[in-house]
């Protein structure tokens, strides 16, 4: 309850900062999946200049799916678990400082990736990381933060198996056994490691990182290459 109260206080403070600088601010709470996209879509239809997602990367993703293809800008107030998008942009992680930084921001056009019928702003993962994300519960994220993902990853690592996949990149097919494939519109993976270090959010491209292997324990050097950023020269 105290954490929720802190988030509400941060949002209230941010609103006061923006209003003090002449912004007209309307607050809309989300109560469940899909609310962020619906609210953002309606805001764009109503002619709002910007929609600021107050939350983490899940909230940002919801808002992106409501704003895609519109002229309404996206902003983010970091009160989530990891806040990768905010880290990617270099916006302060402290909510008050982030609110003040947003006052000086200027709109820019950026790329979006698409997986099925949903857009993504950062990355889309297939394999191990997607399995970890699917296993992390919301209650664990609230209680443990980023450690919820790390604990699930350790638990899953002992039983996860790679699968043979056929991947087509720029028209060239690749058939191999993979543990994980990451398509990056941005660079930071989990806010910590630059898995797709050459990616840019406005170059019109998605970068691809493929981790090969049968089990996580069979590919320690490839996993180490993520940490040391030697994967760009690892075939």
Foldseek 3Di string as FASTA:
>chain_A
DVLVVVLVVLVVLLVVVCVVVPDDDDDDDDDDPLRLLVVLLVCLVVPAQEDEQEEAQVSQQSNCQNCPPGNHYYHYQASYQQRQVCLLVVQDNRRNSNSVVVVPDDDDDFDWDDDDHGIHQFKDKDALLVVLVVPQDPVCCVVPRPVSSVVSSVVCQVPGFWAWDWDADPNRIDTATFRMKMWGQTADDSNQFRQPVPHHGHPPGIDMHTHGDTGCVGRVVSVVCRVVVVSVVPD
